Amino acid sequence: MPTENDVSLDFLNTDEPISAQHYAFLISEREFDAIFDRIRAGGLQYWADPGLSRPGQINNGSGGRGVYFRDPNGHLLEILTRPYGS
């Protein structure tokens, strides 16, 4: 299903090993609030940085907000409200 900006994330089922990946999603402040509420309600661990050295925090890079969390397969997902360097 595409997002508001017509982006979609497609999946492939395979028995082959897949290396952990990093996926970042640029979203609105409103979307950040909704997603972050779901992360906390689900008891997921989250970090302010990709090195996972700042647990339980969000970052304020480039004047926005961002957070990293893992999906059930170990991929590192990131949501952020402003592009880095903006």
PDB file of N, CA and C in Angstrom:
ATOM      1  N   MET A   1       0.850  -1.176   0.000  1.00  0.00           N
ATOM      2  CA  MET A   1       0.000   0.000   0.000  1.00  0.00           C
ATOM      3  C   MET A   1       0.895   1.238   0.000  1.00  0.00           C
ATOM      4  N   PRO A   2       0.690   2.158  -0.928  1.00  0.00           N
ATOM      5  CA  PRO A   2       1.508   3.377  -0.973  1.00  0.00           C
ATOM      6  C   PRO A   2       1.165   4.327   0.170  1.00  0.00           C
ATOM      7  N   THR A   3       2.124   5.149   0.505  1.00  0.00           N
ATOM      8  CA  THR A   3       1.924   6.176   1.519  1.00  0.00           C
ATOM      9  C   THR A   3       1.304   7.413   0.882  1.00  0.00           C
ATOM     10  N   GLU A   4       1.115   8.456   1.684  1.00  0.00           N
ATOM     11  CA  GLU A   4       0.544   9.705   1.183  1.00  0.00           C
ATOM     12  C   GLU A   4       1.318  10.254  -0.013  1.00  0.00           C
ATOM     13  N   ASN A   5       2.637  10.060  -0.018  1.00  0.00           N
ATOM     14  CA  ASN A   5       3.450  10.601  -1.109  1.00  0.00           C
ATOM     15  C   ASN A   5       3.759   9.550  -2.177  1.00  0.00           C
ATOM     16  N   ASP A   6       2.931   8.508  -2.238  1.00  0.00           N
ATOM     17  CA  ASP A   6       3.018   7.449  -3.254  1.00  0.00           C
ATOM     18  C   ASP A   6       4.265   6.585  -3.163  1.00  0.00           C
ATOM     19  N   VAL A   7       4.898   6.534  -2.010  1.00  0.00           N
ATOM     20  CA  VAL A   7       6.034   5.643  -1.795  1.00  0.00           C
ATOM     21  C   VAL A   7       5.493   4.323  -1.264  1.00  0.00           C
ATOM     22  N   SER A   8       6.057   3.232  -1.722  1.00  0.00           N
ATOM     23  CA  SER A   8       5.672   1.931  -1.178  1.00  0.00           C
ATOM     24  C   SER A   8       6.927   1.160  -0.817  1.00  0.00           C
ATOM     25  N   LEU A   9       6.799   0.271   0.111  1.00  0.00           N
ATOM     26  CA  LEU A   9       7.888  -0.608   0.515  1.00  0.00           C
ATOM     27  C   LEU A   9       7.424  -2.023   0.221  1.00  0.00           C
ATOM     28  N   ASP A  10       8.088  -2.675  -0.705  1.00  0.00           N
ATOM     29  CA  ASP A  10       7.691  -4.014  -1.121  1.00  0.00           C
ATOM     30  C   ASP A  10       8.576  -5.047  -0.440  1.00  0.00           C
ATOM     31  N   PHE A  11       8.019  -6.215  -0.191  1.00  0.00           N
ATOM     32  CA  PHE A  11       8.712  -7.280   0.507  1.00  0.00           C
ATOM     33  C   PHE A  11       8.833  -8.504  -0.382  1.00  0.00           C
ATOM     34  N   LEU A  12       9.875  -9.277  -0.148  1.00  0.00           N
ATOM     35  CA  LEU A  12      10.092 -10.520  -0.856  1.00  0.00           C
ATOM     36  C   LEU A  12      10.253 -11.622   0.176  1.00  0.00           C
ATOM     37  N   ASN A  13       9.463 -12.655   0.070  1.00  0.00           N
ATOM     38  CA  ASN A  13       9.620 -13.813   0.944  1.00  0.00           C
ATOM     39  C   ASN A  13      10.678 -14.720   0.347  1.00  0.00           C
ATOM     40  N   THR A  14      11.659 -15.084   1.163  1.00  0.00           N
ATOM     41  CA  THR A  14      12.744 -15.949   0.697  1.00  0.00           C
ATOM     42  C   THR A  14      13.288 -16.755   1.869  1.00  0.00           C
ATOM     43  N   ASP A  15      13.841 -17.883   1.546  1.00  0.00           N
ATOM     44  CA  ASP A  15      14.523 -18.694   2.556  1.00  0.00           C
ATOM     45  C   ASP A  15      16.005 -18.369   2.614  1.00  0.00           C
ATOM     46  N   GLU A  16      16.480 -17.522   1.713  1.00  0.00           N
ATOM     47  CA  GLU A  16      17.878 -17.111   1.680  1.00  0.00           C
ATOM     48  C   GLU A  16      18.148 -16.102   2.794  1.00  0.00           C
ATOM     49  N   PRO A  17      19.359 -16.084   3.360  1.00  0.00           N
ATOM     50  CA  PRO A  17      19.685 -15.099   4.381  1.00  0.00           C
ATOM     51  C   PRO A  17      19.709 -13.682   3.799  1.00  0.00           C
ATOM     52  N   ILE A  18      19.233 -12.744   4.571  1.00  0.00           N
ATOM     53  CA  ILE A  18      19.235 -11.333   4.183  1.00  0.00           C
ATOM     54  C   ILE A  18      19.971 -10.556   5.264  1.00  0.00           C
ATOM     55  N   SER A  19      20.979  -9.801   4.871  1.00  0.00           N
ATOM     56  CA  SER A  19      21.723  -8.976   5.825  1.00  0.00           C
ATOM     57  C   SER A  19      20.822  -7.890   6.373  1.00  0.00           C
ATOM     58  N   ALA A  20      21.050  -7.523   7.629  1.00  0.00           N
ATOM     59  CA  ALA A  20      20.275  -6.439   8.241  1.00  0.00           C
ATOM     60  C   ALA A  20      20.492  -5.153   7.445  1.00  0.00           C
ATOM     61  N   GLN A  21      19.442  -4.394   7.265  1.00  0.00           N
ATOM     62  CA  GLN A  21      19.459  -3.160   6.484  1.00  0.00           C
ATOM     63  C   GLN A  21      18.994  -1.992   7.352  1.00  0.00           C
ATOM     64  N   HIS A  22      19.208  -0.780   6.855  1.00  0.00           N
ATOM     65  CA  HIS A  22      18.729   0.449   7.495  1.00  0.00           C
ATOM     66  C   HIS A  22      17.732   1.094   6.541  1.00  0.00           C
ATOM     67  N   TYR A  23      16.554   1.397   7.058  1.00  0.00           N
ATOM     68  CA  TYR A  23      15.515   2.058   6.277  1.00  0.00           C
ATOM     69  C   TYR A  23      15.098   3.322   7.013  1.00  0.00           C
ATOM     70  N   ALA A  24      15.139   4.451   6.326  1.00  0.00           N
ATOM     71  CA  ALA A  24      14.762   5.740   6.931  1.00  0.00           C
ATOM     72  C   ALA A  24      13.519   6.278   6.234  1.00  0.00           C
ATOM     73  N   PHE A  25      12.632   6.853   7.027  1.00  0.00           N
ATOM     74  CA  PHE A  25      11.381   7.393   6.519  1.00  0.00           C
ATOM     75  C   PHE A  25      11.246   8.845   6.968  1.00  0.00           C
ATOM     76  N   LEU A  26      11.167   9.754   6.007  1.00  0.00           N
ATOM     77  CA  LEU A  26      10.947  11.163   6.280  1.00  0.00           C
ATOM     78  C   LEU A  26       9.443  11.368   6.394  1.00  0.00           C
ATOM     79  N   ILE A  27       9.001  11.819   7.570  1.00  0.00           N
ATOM     80  CA  ILE A  27       7.568  11.913   7.851  1.00  0.00           C
ATOM     81  C   ILE A  27       7.242  13.267   8.477  1.00  0.00           C
ATOM     82  N   SER A  28       5.964  13.556   8.589  1.00  0.00           N
ATOM     83  CA  SER A  28       5.518  14.814   9.198  1.00  0.00           C
ATOM     84  C   SER A  28       5.598  14.713  10.729  1.00  0.00           C
ATOM     85  N   GLU A  29       5.506  15.858  11.375  1.00  0.00           N
ATOM     86  CA  GLU A  29       5.485  15.886  12.847  1.00  0.00           C
ATOM     87  C   GLU A  29       4.292  15.083  13.381  1.00  0.00           C
ATOM     88  N   ARG A  30       3.150  15.229  12.729  1.00  0.00           N
ATOM     89  CA  ARG A  30       1.937  14.511  13.151  1.00  0.00           C
ATOM     90  C   ARG A  30       2.144  13.002  13.026  1.00  0.00           C
ATOM     91  N   GLU A  31       2.735  12.571  11.918  1.00  0.00           N
ATOM     92  CA  GLU A  31       3.010  11.153  11.733  1.00  0.00           C
ATOM     93  C   GLU A  31       4.036  10.650  12.750  1.00  0.00           C
ATOM     94  N   PHE A  32       5.046  11.481  13.041  1.00  0.00           N
ATOM     95  CA  PHE A  32       6.048  11.092  14.032  1.00  0.00           C
ATOM     96  C   PHE A  32       5.364  10.804  15.370  1.00  0.00           C
ATOM     97  N   ASP A  33       4.499  11.720  15.796  1.00  0.00           N
ATOM     98  CA  ASP A  33       3.805  11.530  17.077  1.00  0.00           C
ATOM     99  C   ASP A  33       3.037  10.211  17.101  1.00  0.00           C
ATOM    100  N   ALA A  34       2.300   9.924  16.028  1.00  0.00           N
ATOM    101  CA  ALA A  34       1.495   8.702  15.976  1.00  0.00           C
ATOM    102  C   ALA A  34       2.381   7.450  15.982  1.00  0.00           C
ATOM    103  N   ILE A  35       3.435   7.453  15.174  1.00  0.00           N
ATOM    104  CA  ILE A  35       4.322   6.284  15.110  1.00  0.00           C
ATOM    105  C   ILE A  35       5.080   6.106  16.411  1.00  0.00           C
ATOM    106  N   PHE A  36       5.588   7.205  16.962  1.00  0.00           N
ATOM    107  CA  PHE A  36       6.351   7.114  18.213  1.00  0.00           C
ATOM    108  C   PHE A  36       5.462   6.622  19.354  1.00  0.00           C
ATOM    109  N   ASP A  37       4.201   7.038  19.378  1.00  0.00           N
ATOM    110  CA  ASP A  37       3.258   6.520  20.379  1.00  0.00           C
ATOM    111  C   ASP A  37       3.112   5.001  20.240  1.00  0.00           C
ATOM    112  N   ARG A  38       3.065   4.505  19.001  1.00  0.00           N
ATOM    113  CA  ARG A  38       2.942   3.059  18.771  1.00  0.00           C
ATOM    114  C   ARG A  38       4.210   2.325  19.182  1.00  0.00           C
ATOM    115  N   ILE A  39       5.366   2.919  18.943  1.00  0.00           N
ATOM    116  CA  ILE A  39       6.637   2.315  19.365  1.00  0.00           C
ATOM    117  C   ILE A  39       6.646   2.141  20.880  1.00  0.00           C
ATOM    118  N   ARG A  40       6.304   3.205  21.595  1.00  0.00           N
ATOM    119  CA  ARG A  40       6.298   3.142  23.063  1.00  0.00           C
ATOM    120  C   ARG A  40       5.220   2.207  23.583  1.00  0.00           C
ATOM    121  N   ALA A  41       4.028   2.266  23.006  1.00  0.00           N
ATOM    122  CA  ALA A  41       2.929   1.399  23.457  1.00  0.00           C
ATOM    123  C   ALA A  41       3.274  -0.071  23.246  1.00  0.00           C
ATOM    124  N   GLY A  42       4.043  -0.361  22.199  1.00  0.00           N
ATOM    125  CA  GLY A  42       4.455  -1.732  21.920  1.00  0.00           C
ATOM    126  C   GLY A  42       5.645  -2.197  22.731  1.00  0.00           C
ATOM    127  N   GLY A  43       6.194  -1.302  23.551  1.00  0.00           N
ATOM    128  CA  GLY A  43       7.332  -1.669  24.379  1.00  0.00           C
ATOM    129  C   GLY A  43       8.616  -1.893  23.597  1.00  0.00           C
ATOM    130  N   LEU A  44       8.697  -1.319  22.394  1.00  0.00           N
ATOM    131  CA  LEU A  44       9.904  -1.488  21.591  1.00  0.00           C
ATOM    132  C   LEU A  44      11.049  -0.637  22.129  1.00  0.00           C
ATOM    133  N   GLN A  45      12.252  -1.145  22.026  1.00  0.00           N
ATOM    134  CA  GLN A  45      13.423  -0.347  22.342  1.00  0.00           C
ATOM    135  C   GLN A  45      13.627   0.656  21.222  1.00  0.00           C
ATOM    136  N   TYR A  46      14.131   1.839  21.576  1.00  0.00           N
ATOM    137  CA  TYR A  46      14.434   2.850  20.562  1.00  0.00           C
ATOM    138  C   TYR A  46      15.651   3.634  20.997  1.00  0.00           C
ATOM    139  N   TRP A  47      16.285   4.252  19.994  1.00  0.00           N
ATOM    140  CA  TRP A  47      17.538   4.955  20.219  1.00  0.00           C
ATOM    141  C   TRP A  47      17.540   6.270  19.448  1.00  0.00           C
ATOM    142  N   ALA A  48      18.383   7.201  19.882  1.00  0.00           N
ATOM    143  CA  ALA A  48      18.524   8.494  19.211  1.00  0.00           C
ATOM    144  C   ALA A  48      19.564   8.465  18.105  1.00  0.00           C
ATOM    145  N   ASP A  49      20.299   7.362  17.978  1.00  0.00           N
ATOM    146  CA  ASP A  49      21.416   7.340  17.042  1.00  0.00           C
ATOM    147  C   ASP A  49      21.550   5.966  16.386  1.00  0.00           C
ATOM    148  N   PRO A  50      22.156   5.924  15.193  1.00  0.00           N
ATOM    149  CA  PRO A  50      22.293   4.645  14.495  1.00  0.00           C
ATOM    150  C   PRO A  50      23.278   3.691  15.153  1.00  0.00           C
ATOM    151  N   GLY A  51      24.154   4.196  16.006  1.00  0.00           N
ATOM    152  CA  GLY A  51      25.076   3.335  16.733  1.00  0.00           C
ATOM    153  C   GLY A  51      24.436   2.698  17.955  1.00  0.00           C
ATOM    154  N   LEU A  52      23.189   3.055  18.231  1.00  0.00           N
ATOM    155  CA  LEU A  52      22.396   2.519  19.343  1.00  0.00           C
ATOM    156  C   LEU A  52      23.062   2.769  20.694  1.00  0.00           C
ATOM    157  N   SER A  53      23.729   3.928  20.813  1.00  0.00           N
ATOM    158  CA  SER A  53      24.410   4.269  22.065  1.00  0.00           C
ATOM    159  C   SER A  53      23.595   5.208  22.945  1.00  0.00           C
ATOM    160  N   ARG A  54      22.437   5.672  22.455  1.00  0.00           N
ATOM    161  CA  ARG A  54      21.588   6.577  23.239  1.00  0.00           C
ATOM    162  C   ARG A  54      20.183   5.988  23.366  1.00  0.00           C
ATOM    163  N   PRO A  55      20.054   4.919  24.169  1.00  0.00           N
ATOM    164  CA  PRO A  55      18.760   4.246  24.293  1.00  0.00           C
ATOM    165  C   PRO A  55      17.720   5.125  24.992  1.00  0.00           C
ATOM    166  N   GLY A  56      16.457   4.931  24.589  1.00  0.00           N
ATOM    167  CA  GLY A  56      15.351   5.632  25.227  1.00  0.00           C
ATOM    168  C   GLY A  56      15.304   7.118  24.938  1.00  0.00           C
ATOM    169  N   GLN A  57      16.018   7.569  23.917  1.00  0.00           N
ATOM    170  CA  GLN A  57      16.047   8.987  23.568  1.00  0.00           C
ATOM    171  C   GLN A  57      15.681   9.171  22.105  1.00  0.00           C
ATOM    172  N   ILE A  58      15.274  10.392  21.763  1.00  0.00           N
ATOM    173  CA  ILE A  58      15.103  10.769  20.370  1.00  0.00           C
ATOM    174  C   ILE A  58      16.163  11.815  20.058  1.00  0.00           C
ATOM    175  N   ASN A  59      16.453  12.014  18.765  1.00  0.00           N
ATOM    176  CA  ASN A  59      17.414  13.052  18.410  1.00  0.00           C
ATOM    177  C   ASN A  59      16.669  14.257  17.842  1.00  0.00           C
ATOM    178  N   ASN A  60      17.332  15.371  17.846  1.00  0.00           N
ATOM    179  CA  ASN A  60      16.767  16.608  17.321  1.00  0.00           C
ATOM    180  C   ASN A  60      17.642  17.146  16.196  1.00  0.00           C
ATOM    181  N   GLY A  61      18.149  16.244  15.366  1.00  0.00           N
ATOM    182  CA  GLY A  61      19.010  16.627  14.263  1.00  0.00           C
ATOM    183  C   GLY A  61      18.325  17.547  13.271  1.00  0.00           C
ATOM    184  N   SER A  62      19.021  18.576  12.877  1.00  0.00           N
ATOM    185  CA  SER A  62      18.550  19.538  11.872  1.00  0.00           C
ATOM    186  C   SER A  62      17.235  20.204  12.240  1.00  0.00           C
ATOM    187  N   GLY A  63      16.961  20.314  13.549  1.00  0.00           N
ATOM    188  CA  GLY A  63      15.758  21.003  13.996  1.00  0.00           C
ATOM    189  C   GLY A  63      14.501  20.162  13.978  1.00  0.00           C
ATOM    190  N   GLY A  64      14.616  18.890  13.661  1.00  0.00           N
ATOM    191  CA  GLY A  64      13.461  18.000  13.661  1.00  0.00           C
ATOM    192  C   GLY A  64      13.590  16.970  14.766  1.00  0.00           C
ATOM    193  N   ARG A  65      12.875  15.888  14.607  1.00  0.00           N
ATOM    194  CA  ARG A  65      12.962  14.781  15.560  1.00  0.00           C
ATOM    195  C   ARG A  65      13.216  13.497  14.793  1.00  0.00           C
ATOM    196  N   GLY A  66      13.977  12.597  15.417  1.00  0.00           N
ATOM    197  CA  GLY A  66      14.254  11.314  14.798  1.00  0.00           C
ATOM    198  C   GLY A  66      14.458  10.242  15.842  1.00  0.00           C
ATOM    199  N   VAL A  67      14.165   9.017  15.468  1.00  0.00           N
ATOM    200  CA  VAL A  67      14.347   7.889  16.374  1.00  0.00           C
ATOM    201  C   VAL A  67      14.608   6.633  15.537  1.00  0.00           C
ATOM    202  N   TYR A  68      15.387   5.727  16.094  1.00  0.00           N
ATOM    203  CA  TYR A  68      15.727   4.448  15.465  1.00  0.00           C
ATOM    204  C   TYR A  68      15.109   3.326  16.286  1.00  0.00           C
ATOM    205  N   PHE A  69      14.646   2.284  15.600  1.00  0.00           N
ATOM    206  CA  PHE A  69      14.124   1.093  16.269  1.00  0.00           C
ATOM    207  C   PHE A  69      14.283  -0.087  15.326  1.00  0.00           C
ATOM    208  N   ARG A  70      14.213  -1.296  15.866  1.00  0.00           N
ATOM    209  CA  ARG A  70      14.416  -2.496  15.047  1.00  0.00           C
ATOM    210  C   ARG A  70      13.068  -3.127  14.700  1.00  0.00           C
ATOM    211  N   ASP A  71      13.004  -3.671  13.492  1.00  0.00           N
ATOM    212  CA  ASP A  71      11.816  -4.439  13.128  1.00  0.00           C
ATOM    213  C   ASP A  71      12.018  -5.874  13.623  1.00  0.00           C
ATOM    214  N   PRO A  72      10.996  -6.727  13.527  1.00  0.00           N
ATOM    215  CA  PRO A  72      11.128  -8.097  14.056  1.00  0.00           C
ATOM    216  C   PRO A  72      12.257  -8.914  13.426  1.00  0.00           C
ATOM    217  N   ASN A  73      12.719  -8.528  12.236  1.00  0.00           N
ATOM    218  CA  ASN A  73      13.805  -9.254  11.576  1.00  0.00           C
ATOM    219  C   ASN A  73      15.178  -8.642  11.834  1.00  0.00           C
ATOM    220  N   GLY A  74      15.240  -7.617  12.675  1.00  0.00           N
ATOM    221  CA  GLY A  74      16.523  -7.017  13.028  1.00  0.00           C
ATOM    222  C   GLY A  74      16.948  -5.845  12.177  1.00  0.00           C
ATOM    223  N   HIS A  75      16.132  -5.459  11.191  1.00  0.00           N
ATOM    224  CA  HIS A  75      16.471  -4.289  10.381  1.00  0.00           C
ATOM    225  C   HIS A  75      16.313  -3.028  11.226  1.00  0.00           C
ATOM    226  N   LEU A  76      17.169  -2.061  10.989  1.00  0.00           N
ATOM    227  CA  LEU A  76      17.129  -0.809  11.738  1.00  0.00           C
ATOM    228  C   LEU A  76      16.262   0.185  10.978  1.00  0.00           C
ATOM    229  N   LEU A  77      15.155   0.572  11.583  1.00  0.00           N
ATOM    230  CA  LEU A  77      14.238   1.531  10.990  1.00  0.00           C
ATOM    231  C   LEU A  77      14.444   2.887  11.643  1.00  0.00           C
ATOM    232  N   GLU A  78      14.283   3.917  10.855  1.00  0.00           N
ATOM    233  CA  GLU A  78      14.461   5.290  11.351  1.00  0.00           C
ATOM    234  C   GLU A  78      13.287   6.121  10.860  1.00  0.00           C
ATOM    235  N   ILE A  79      12.714   6.904  11.761  1.00  0.00           N
ATOM    236  CA  ILE A  79      11.733   7.906  11.360  1.00  0.00           C
ATOM    237  C   ILE A  79      12.306   9.261  11.714  1.00  0.00           C
ATOM    238  N   LEU A  80      12.171  10.229  10.812  1.00  0.00           N
ATOM    239  CA  LEU A  80      12.686  11.559  11.069  1.00  0.00           C
ATOM    240  C   LEU A  80      11.791  12.593  10.404  1.00  0.00           C
ATOM    241  N   THR A  81      11.741  13.776  11.008  1.00  0.00           N
ATOM    242  CA  THR A  81      10.838  14.817  10.526  1.00  0.00           C
ATOM    243  C   THR A  81      11.522  15.870   9.679  1.00  0.00           C
ATOM    244  N   ARG A  82      12.833  15.897   9.665  1.00  0.00           N
ATOM    245  CA  ARG A  82      13.591  16.845   8.835  1.00  0.00           C
ATOM    246  C   ARG A  82      14.776  16.113   8.240  1.00  0.00           C
ATOM    247  N   PRO A  83      15.088  16.375   6.977  1.00  0.00           N
ATOM    248  CA  PRO A  83      16.276  15.738   6.406  1.00  0.00           C
ATOM    249  C   PRO A  83      17.533  16.240   7.115  1.00  0.00           C
ATOM    250  N   TYR A  84      18.498  15.371   7.270  1.00  0.00           N
ATOM    251  CA  TYR A  84      19.748  15.768   7.906  1.00  0.00           C
ATOM    252  C   TYR A  84      20.436  16.830   7.047  1.00  0.00           C
ATOM    253  N   GLY A  85      20.964  17.847   7.701  1.00  0.00           N
ATOM    254  CA  GLY A  85      21.651  18.918   7.010  1.00  0.00           C
ATOM    255  C   GLY A  85      20.725  20.001   6.496  1.00  0.00           C
ATOM    256  N   SER A  86      19.427  19.910   6.835  1.00  0.00           N
ATOM    257  CA  SER A  86      18.482  20.926   6.337  1.00  0.00           C
ATOM    258  C   SER A  86      18.426  22.126   7.269  1.00  0.00           C
TER     259      SER A  86
END
